Amino acid sequence: MFRLLAAAFMLLFAAEANATEAGWALLREGEQIVLLRHAMAPGAAEPATFDIEKCSTQRNLSERGKQQARKIGALFAARAAPTGRVLTSRYCRTKETARLAFGDAEEFAPMDPPVGDEAARKEQLDAILAEIRDYSDSGNLVLVTHLETIQALTGGQTAREGEAVIVVPEGDGLRVVGRIIFN
């Protein structure tokens, strides 16, 4: 039984490593769209005292998350074409991930987790898709965001904290063409 579990684990690890290498190959080409889930932040929901203007009232990066964000930036610098533009949600954990990984980033409110109202949510996602479709730089476009936003844009695809999901526009959403897992 132990051997079977060990073999299954090794196959899973090999598949993730191959997917990550394929993702780097895409990013070396440039002109890619990357949805990057923020680095590791403890907890699952915002505190009751949440205020978008005050980091002390939000879930923030752990020390491990800060290290992960720095590693993401170092690997992007070493293994990918230059980053043309970085957009981030207004949440402190996404802004800090972007700052530690890439230096400067532009806040882009539509990158916040999708709102509950269906009309407002559609408007929010349409704004992100318009930004992606209008992008024309030769460098990669990185959008630092949240799991819910990634799921809404990709038809339910998930991403770990600190995972990069490489996408292309398709229909009313985005299709995943690659992934990079940062441990």
Protein backbone atom coordinates (compact mmCIF):
# COMPACT_ATOMS: atom_id res chain seq x y z
CA MET A 1 0.00 0.00 0.00
CA PHE A 2 2.82 2.40 0.88
CA ARG A 3 4.51 1.78 -2.47
CA LEU A 4 1.27 2.52 -4.31
CA LEU A 5 0.83 5.80 -2.46
CA ALA A 6 4.49 6.73 -3.06
CA ALA A 7 4.13 5.99 -6.78
CA ALA A 8 0.96 8.09 -7.01
CA PHE A 9 2.69 10.98 -5.23
CA MET A 10 5.67 10.79 -7.60
CA LEU A 11 3.39 10.84 -10.65
CA LEU A 12 1.54 13.88 -9.33
CA PHE A 13 4.82 15.68 -8.60
CA ALA A 14 6.14 14.86 -12.09
CA ALA A 15 2.94 16.15 -13.73
CA GLU A 16 3.14 19.43 -11.76
CA ALA A 17 6.82 19.84 -12.67
CA ASN A 18 6.05 19.28 -16.38
CA ALA A 19 3.17 21.77 -16.27
CA THR A 20 5.39 24.33 -14.58
CA GLU A 21 8.14 23.90 -17.21
CA ALA A 22 5.58 24.29 -20.00
CA GLY A 23 4.35 27.48 -18.30
CA TRP A 24 7.88 28.92 -18.19
CA ALA A 25 8.29 28.12 -21.89
CA LEU A 26 5.20 30.24 -22.63
CA LEU A 27 6.41 33.12 -20.46
CA ARG A 28 9.79 33.19 -22.19
CA GLU A 29 7.92 34.04 -25.43
CA GLY A 30 6.45 37.24 -23.93
CA GLU A 31 3.05 38.75 -24.67
CA GLN A 32 1.37 36.32 -22.26
CA ILE A 33 -1.48 37.03 -19.83
CA VAL A 34 -0.83 35.78 -16.29
CA LEU A 35 -3.41 35.59 -13.52
CA LEU A 36 -1.36 35.35 -10.34
CA ARG A 37 -3.13 34.43 -7.13
CA HIS A 38 -1.69 36.38 -4.21
CA ALA A 39 1.00 34.70 -2.12
CA MET A 40 0.25 32.80 1.10
CA ALA A 41 -2.04 34.61 3.52
CA PRO A 42 -3.51 32.85 6.58
CA GLY A 43 -7.26 32.54 6.95
CA ALA A 44 -10.12 32.04 4.54
CA ALA A 45 -12.32 35.13 4.93
CA GLU A 46 -11.89 38.80 5.68
CA PRO A 47 -12.27 39.87 9.31
CA ALA A 48 -15.58 41.49 10.30
CA THR A 49 -13.73 44.81 10.64
CA PHE A 50 -12.56 44.72 6.98
CA ASP A 51 -11.75 48.10 5.46
CA ILE A 52 -10.21 48.25 1.96
CA GLU A 53 -8.17 51.30 3.03
CA LYS A 54 -6.60 49.69 6.14
CA CYS A 55 -4.27 46.73 5.86
CA SER A 56 -4.59 46.06 9.59
CA THR A 57 -8.24 45.02 9.00
CA GLN A 58 -7.47 42.54 6.19
CA ARG A 59 -5.92 39.12 5.70
CA ASN A 60 -2.27 39.83 4.97
CA LEU A 61 0.71 37.85 3.73
CA SER A 62 2.41 35.60 6.23
CA GLU A 63 6.22 35.62 6.47
CA ARG A 64 6.17 32.54 4.26
CA GLY A 65 3.92 34.41 1.82
CA LYS A 66 6.39 37.32 1.68
CA GLN A 67 9.20 34.88 0.94
CA GLN A 68 7.05 33.22 -1.71
CA ALA A 69 6.35 36.60 -3.38
CA ARG A 70 10.09 37.40 -3.49
CA LYS A 71 10.77 33.97 -4.99
CA ILE A 72 8.08 34.54 -7.63
CA GLY A 73 9.75 37.81 -8.62
CA ALA A 74 13.23 36.27 -8.76
CA LEU A 75 12.01 33.39 -10.92
CA PHE A 76 10.10 35.71 -13.26
CA ALA A 77 13.25 37.83 -13.65
CA ALA A 78 15.39 34.78 -14.38
CA ARG A 79 13.05 32.61 -16.47
CA ALA A 80 10.47 34.80 -18.22
CA ALA A 81 10.44 37.56 -20.82
CA PRO A 82 10.21 41.01 -19.24
CA THR A 83 7.00 41.91 -17.50
CA GLY A 84 5.30 44.71 -19.41
CA ARG A 85 2.65 45.66 -16.87
CA VAL A 86 1.43 44.53 -13.46
CA LEU A 87 -2.13 45.16 -12.28
CA THR A 88 -3.34 44.28 -8.80
CA SER A 89 -6.54 44.32 -6.81
CA ARG A 90 -6.86 46.92 -4.06
CA TYR A 91 -6.43 44.35 -1.28
CA CYS A 92 -3.22 44.64 0.72
CA ARG A 93 -2.14 41.01 0.18
CA THR A 94 -2.29 41.38 -3.60
CA LYS A 95 -0.53 44.75 -3.58
CA GLU A 96 2.21 43.38 -1.34
CA THR A 97 2.61 40.27 -3.51
CA ALA A 98 2.98 42.49 -6.57
CA ARG A 99 5.39 44.90 -4.87
CA LEU A 100 7.64 42.15 -3.50
CA ALA A 101 7.63 40.20 -6.78
CA PHE A 102 7.68 42.92 -9.42
CA GLY A 103 8.30 46.30 -7.77
CA ASP A 104 5.64 48.66 -9.05
CA ALA A 105 2.06 47.71 -9.80
CA GLU A 106 -1.09 49.59 -10.72
CA GLU A 107 -4.21 49.17 -8.61
CA PHE A 108 -7.14 48.00 -10.72
CA ALA A 109 -10.36 47.72 -8.70
CA PRO A 110 -12.01 45.16 -11.03
CA MET A 111 -9.32 42.68 -9.87
CA ASP A 112 -10.94 42.65 -6.39
CA PRO A 113 -12.97 39.52 -5.58
CA PRO A 114 -16.20 39.54 -7.63
CA VAL A 115 -19.11 41.38 -6.04
CA GLY A 116 -22.39 39.61 -5.28
CA ASP A 117 -24.74 41.61 -7.53
CA GLU A 118 -24.87 39.84 -10.93
CA ALA A 119 -24.94 43.03 -13.04
CA ALA A 120 -22.03 44.59 -11.10
CA ARG A 121 -20.11 41.30 -11.27
CA LYS A 122 -20.53 41.14 -15.08
CA GLU A 123 -19.37 44.76 -15.38
CA GLN A 124 -16.35 43.97 -13.22
CA LEU A 125 -15.35 40.90 -15.26
CA ASP A 126 -15.98 42.75 -18.54
CA ALA A 127 -13.56 45.48 -17.40
CA ILE A 128 -10.84 42.86 -16.76
CA LEU A 129 -11.46 41.18 -20.11
CA ALA A 130 -11.33 44.54 -21.90
CA GLU A 131 -7.99 45.33 -20.22
CA ILE A 132 -6.64 41.95 -21.32
CA ARG A 133 -7.90 42.26 -24.91
CA ASP A 134 -6.48 45.80 -25.21
CA TYR A 135 -3.03 44.78 -23.98
CA SER A 136 -0.42 45.13 -26.72
CA ASP A 137 2.99 45.28 -25.01
CA SER A 138 5.66 42.71 -25.93
CA GLY A 139 6.21 41.90 -22.24
CA ASN A 140 3.96 39.68 -20.14
CA LEU A 141 0.88 41.16 -18.46
CA VAL A 142 0.56 40.05 -14.83
CA LEU A 143 -2.71 40.46 -12.94
CA VAL A 144 -2.34 39.80 -9.21
CA THR A 145 -5.71 38.79 -7.86
CA HIS A 146 -7.82 36.35 -5.83
CA LEU A 147 -9.08 32.79 -6.26
CA GLU A 148 -12.68 33.97 -6.81
CA THR A 149 -11.61 36.29 -9.63
CA ILE A 150 -9.56 33.56 -11.31
CA GLN A 151 -12.51 31.16 -11.06
CA ALA A 152 -14.96 33.71 -12.44
CA LEU A 153 -12.71 34.49 -15.43
CA THR A 154 -11.78 30.89 -16.27
CA GLY A 155 -15.06 29.07 -15.76
CA GLY A 156 -14.16 27.63 -12.35
CA GLN A 157 -10.45 26.81 -12.65
CA THR A 158 -8.69 26.91 -9.29
CA ALA A 159 -5.24 28.17 -8.31
CA ARG A 160 -3.15 27.76 -5.18
CA GLU A 161 -1.87 30.76 -3.29
CA GLY A 162 1.05 32.07 -5.32
CA GLU A 163 0.18 30.05 -8.43
CA ALA A 164 0.42 31.64 -11.88
CA VAL A 165 -2.28 30.72 -14.39
CA ILE A 166 -1.45 31.62 -17.99
CA VAL A 167 -4.58 32.37 -20.04
CA VAL A 168 -5.82 33.42 -23.47
CA PRO A 169 -9.13 35.13 -24.25
CA GLU A 170 -11.79 32.73 -25.44
CA GLY A 171 -15.45 33.62 -25.89
CA ASP A 172 -16.76 35.47 -22.85
CA GLY A 173 -13.90 34.36 -20.62
CA LEU A 174 -10.38 33.03 -20.50
CA ARG A 175 -8.94 29.62 -21.29
CA VAL A 176 -6.04 28.28 -19.23
CA VAL A 177 -3.04 27.37 -21.40
CA GLY A 178 -0.39 26.96 -18.72
CA ARG A 179 0.41 27.04 -15.01
CA ILE A 180 3.39 27.70 -12.80
CA ILE A 181 3.34 26.42 -9.24
CA PHE A 182 5.56 28.25 -6.75
CA ASN A 183 6.19 26.19 -3.61
